[in-house]
Amino acid sequence: MRKESIIDLRVAIEFQHGGTATLAKSVPVCETFEGRPVWEGIVHIFNLEGHPKATRAYAWSSPIEGSDRRRFFAVLHKGPIKSPVDAVRAAIVAEPRTITIRGN
């Protein structure tokens, strides 16, 4: 990942959650559902100072379909979120879905 992208992820964490984020490491994550990949990429683990409830955050970006822009995800390590995989799963569940309703 380009250095600018790591900076973008740090800024996303700090803007969304507060505190000061410092990159600790990056890990590959492959989340599957019924044996098929749902999301695959690198999750960056940041140490987080100055946040009242979390000392770590997970961040990554994904391309926005039909655009050259990216969407940034920043998830705190707290509550049920204990790992990069947990963070990705939480983001997948929270992701808005488009529902098509077919008339009769």
C-alpha atoms as a PDB file:
ATOM      1  CA  MET A   1       0.000   0.000   0.000  1.00  0.00           C
ATOM      2  CA  ARG A   2       1.236   3.482  -0.811  1.00  0.00           C
ATOM      3  CA  LYS A   3       2.398   5.580   2.122  1.00  0.00           C
ATOM      4  CA  GLU A   4      -0.280   8.160   1.301  1.00  0.00           C
ATOM      5  CA  SER A   5      -2.939   5.493   1.795  1.00  0.00           C
ATOM      6  CA  ILE A   6      -1.626   4.628   5.265  1.00  0.00           C
ATOM      7  CA  ILE A   7      -1.827   8.328   6.097  1.00  0.00           C
ATOM      8  CA  ASP A   8      -5.410   8.390   4.750  1.00  0.00           C
ATOM      9  CA  LEU A   9      -6.313   5.436   6.997  1.00  0.00           C
ATOM     10  CA  ARG A  10      -4.756   7.134  10.031  1.00  0.00           C
ATOM     11  CA  VAL A  11      -6.682  10.316   9.281  1.00  0.00           C
ATOM     12  CA  ALA A  12      -9.917   8.305   8.878  1.00  0.00           C
ATOM     13  CA  ILE A  13      -9.456   6.706  12.306  1.00  0.00           C
ATOM     14  CA  GLU A  14      -8.592   9.962  14.022  1.00  0.00           C
ATOM     15  CA  PHE A  15     -11.430  11.882  12.328  1.00  0.00           C
ATOM     16  CA  GLN A  16     -14.071   9.239  13.015  1.00  0.00           C
ATOM     17  CA  HIS A  17     -13.019   8.106  16.492  1.00  0.00           C
ATOM     18  CA  GLY A  18     -10.561  10.644  17.923  1.00  0.00           C
ATOM     19  CA  GLY A  19      -7.242   9.939  19.549  1.00  0.00           C
ATOM     20  CA  THR A  20      -3.876   9.562  17.826  1.00  0.00           C
ATOM     21  CA  ALA A  21      -3.357   6.506  15.603  1.00  0.00           C
ATOM     22  CA  THR A  22       0.015   4.884  14.901  1.00  0.00           C
ATOM     23  CA  LEU A  23       0.402   1.961  12.499  1.00  0.00           C
ATOM     24  CA  ALA A  24       1.417  -1.225  14.348  1.00  0.00           C
ATOM     25  CA  LYS A  25       1.182  -3.823  11.571  1.00  0.00           C
ATOM     26  CA  SER A  26      -0.810  -5.004   8.563  1.00  0.00           C
ATOM     27  CA  VAL A  27      -2.405  -8.415   8.125  1.00  0.00           C
ATOM     28  CA  PRO A  28      -4.195 -10.190   5.277  1.00  0.00           C
ATOM     29  CA  VAL A  29      -7.852 -11.078   5.865  1.00  0.00           C
ATOM     30  CA  CYS A  30     -10.094 -13.293   3.769  1.00  0.00           C
ATOM     31  CA  GLU A  31     -13.706 -13.458   4.941  1.00  0.00           C
ATOM     32  CA  THR A  32     -15.893 -16.141   3.375  1.00  0.00           C
ATOM     33  CA  PHE A  33     -19.568 -17.030   3.465  1.00  0.00           C
ATOM     34  CA  GLU A  34     -20.709 -20.516   2.516  1.00  0.00           C
ATOM     35  CA  GLY A  35     -17.237 -21.230   1.163  1.00  0.00           C
ATOM     36  CA  ARG A  36     -17.104 -18.189  -1.117  1.00  0.00           C
ATOM     37  CA  PRO A  37     -14.954 -15.107  -0.540  1.00  0.00           C
ATOM     38  CA  VAL A  38     -16.988 -12.096   0.588  1.00  0.00           C
ATOM     39  CA  TRP A  39     -14.056  -9.765   1.211  1.00  0.00           C
ATOM     40  CA  GLU A  40     -10.314 -10.137   0.826  1.00  0.00           C
ATOM     41  CA  GLY A  41      -7.663  -7.549   1.536  1.00  0.00           C
ATOM     42  CA  ILE A  42      -5.199  -6.075   3.976  1.00  0.00           C
ATOM     43  CA  VAL A  43      -6.374  -4.745   7.343  1.00  0.00           C
ATOM     44  CA  HIS A  44      -4.056  -2.275   9.034  1.00  0.00           C
ATOM     45  CA  ILE A  45      -3.841  -2.402  12.816  1.00  0.00           C
ATOM     46  CA  PHE A  46      -3.225   0.909  14.541  1.00  0.00           C
ATOM     47  CA  ASN A  47      -2.362   1.605  18.162  1.00  0.00           C
ATOM     48  CA  LEU A  48      -4.687   4.325  19.413  1.00  0.00           C
ATOM     49  CA  GLU A  49      -3.689   6.815  22.110  1.00  0.00           C
ATOM     50  CA  GLY A  50      -6.011   9.287  23.752  1.00  0.00           C
ATOM     51  CA  HIS A  51      -9.261   7.440  23.091  1.00  0.00           C
ATOM     52  CA  PRO A  52     -11.379   6.917  26.215  1.00  0.00           C
ATOM     53  CA  LYS A  53     -12.447   3.324  25.448  1.00  0.00           C
ATOM     54  CA  ALA A  54     -10.076   1.761  22.910  1.00  0.00           C
ATOM     55  CA  THR A  55      -6.316   1.375  22.523  1.00  0.00           C
ATOM     56  CA  ARG A  56      -6.405  -0.167  19.047  1.00  0.00           C
ATOM     57  CA  ALA A  57      -8.241   0.363  15.767  1.00  0.00           C
ATOM     58  CA  TYR A  58      -8.500  -1.542  12.480  1.00  0.00           C
ATOM     59  CA  ALA A  59      -8.621   0.244   9.135  1.00  0.00           C
ATOM     60  CA  TRP A  60      -8.744  -0.558   5.436  1.00  0.00           C
ATOM     61  CA  SER A  61     -10.150   0.834   2.234  1.00  0.00           C
ATOM     62  CA  SER A  62     -12.095  -0.642  -0.646  1.00  0.00           C
ATOM     63  CA  PRO A  63     -12.758   0.696  -4.126  1.00  0.00           C
ATOM     64  CA  ILE A  64     -16.132   2.314  -4.762  1.00  0.00           C
ATOM     65  CA  GLU A  65     -17.771   0.513  -7.660  1.00  0.00           C
ATOM     66  CA  GLY A  66     -17.942   2.651 -10.793  1.00  0.00           C
ATOM     67  CA  SER A  67     -15.506   5.217  -9.386  1.00  0.00           C
ATOM     68  CA  ASP A  68     -11.791   5.776  -8.968  1.00  0.00           C
ATOM     69  CA  ARG A  69     -12.403   6.730  -5.322  1.00  0.00           C
ATOM     70  CA  ARG A  70     -12.070   4.536  -2.231  1.00  0.00           C
ATOM     71  CA  ARG A  71     -14.221   4.038   0.848  1.00  0.00           C
ATOM     72  CA  PHE A  72     -12.384   4.020   4.176  1.00  0.00           C
ATOM     73  CA  PHE A  73     -13.336   1.804   7.104  1.00  0.00           C
ATOM     74  CA  ALA A  74     -12.179   2.444  10.677  1.00  0.00           C
ATOM     75  CA  VAL A  75     -13.338   0.068  13.430  1.00  0.00           C
ATOM     76  CA  LEU A  76     -12.358   0.244  17.100  1.00  0.00           C
ATOM     77  CA  HIS A  77     -11.023  -2.753  19.042  1.00  0.00           C
ATOM     78  CA  LYS A  78     -13.712  -2.858  21.739  1.00  0.00           C
ATOM     79  CA  GLY A  79     -16.746  -4.886  22.742  1.00  0.00           C
ATOM     80  CA  PRO A  80     -17.137  -7.861  20.406  1.00  0.00           C
ATOM     81  CA  ILE A  81     -14.428  -6.552  18.044  1.00  0.00           C
ATOM     82  CA  LYS A  82     -11.275  -8.379  19.158  1.00  0.00           C
ATOM     83  CA  SER A  83      -9.447  -8.937  15.837  1.00  0.00           C
ATOM     84  CA  PRO A  84      -9.113  -7.703  12.250  1.00  0.00           C
ATOM     85  CA  VAL A  85     -11.502 -10.469  11.144  1.00  0.00           C
ATOM     86  CA  ASP A  86     -14.111  -9.289  13.672  1.00  0.00           C
ATOM     87  CA  ALA A  87     -13.733  -5.732  12.330  1.00  0.00           C
ATOM     88  CA  VAL A  88     -14.290  -6.841   8.730  1.00  0.00           C
ATOM     89  CA  ARG A  89     -17.314  -8.940   9.733  1.00  0.00           C
ATOM     90  CA  ALA A  90     -18.835  -5.985  11.602  1.00  0.00           C
ATOM     91  CA  ALA A  91     -18.337  -3.731   8.572  1.00  0.00           C
ATOM     92  CA  ILE A  92     -19.925  -6.306   6.252  1.00  0.00           C
ATOM     93  CA  VAL A  93     -22.977  -6.586   8.507  1.00  0.00           C
ATOM     94  CA  ALA A  94     -23.248  -2.793   8.808  1.00  0.00           C
ATOM     95  CA  GLU A  95     -22.829  -2.199   5.061  1.00  0.00           C
ATOM     96  CA  PRO A  96     -26.035  -0.861   3.519  1.00  0.00           C
ATOM     97  CA  ARG A  97     -27.654  -3.272   1.106  1.00  0.00           C
ATOM     98  CA  THR A  98     -29.672  -2.530  -2.003  1.00  0.00           C
ATOM     99  CA  ILE A  99     -32.901  -4.485  -1.965  1.00  0.00           C
ATOM    100  CA  THR A 100     -34.846  -5.082  -5.142  1.00  0.00           C
ATOM    101  CA  ILE A 101     -38.542  -5.718  -4.658  1.00  0.00           C
ATOM    102  CA  ARG A 102     -40.322  -7.282  -7.605  1.00  0.00           C
ATOM    103  CA  GLY A 103     -43.976  -6.498  -8.124  1.00  0.00           C
ATOM    104  CA  ASN A 104     -46.580  -9.153  -8.895  1.00  0.00           C
END
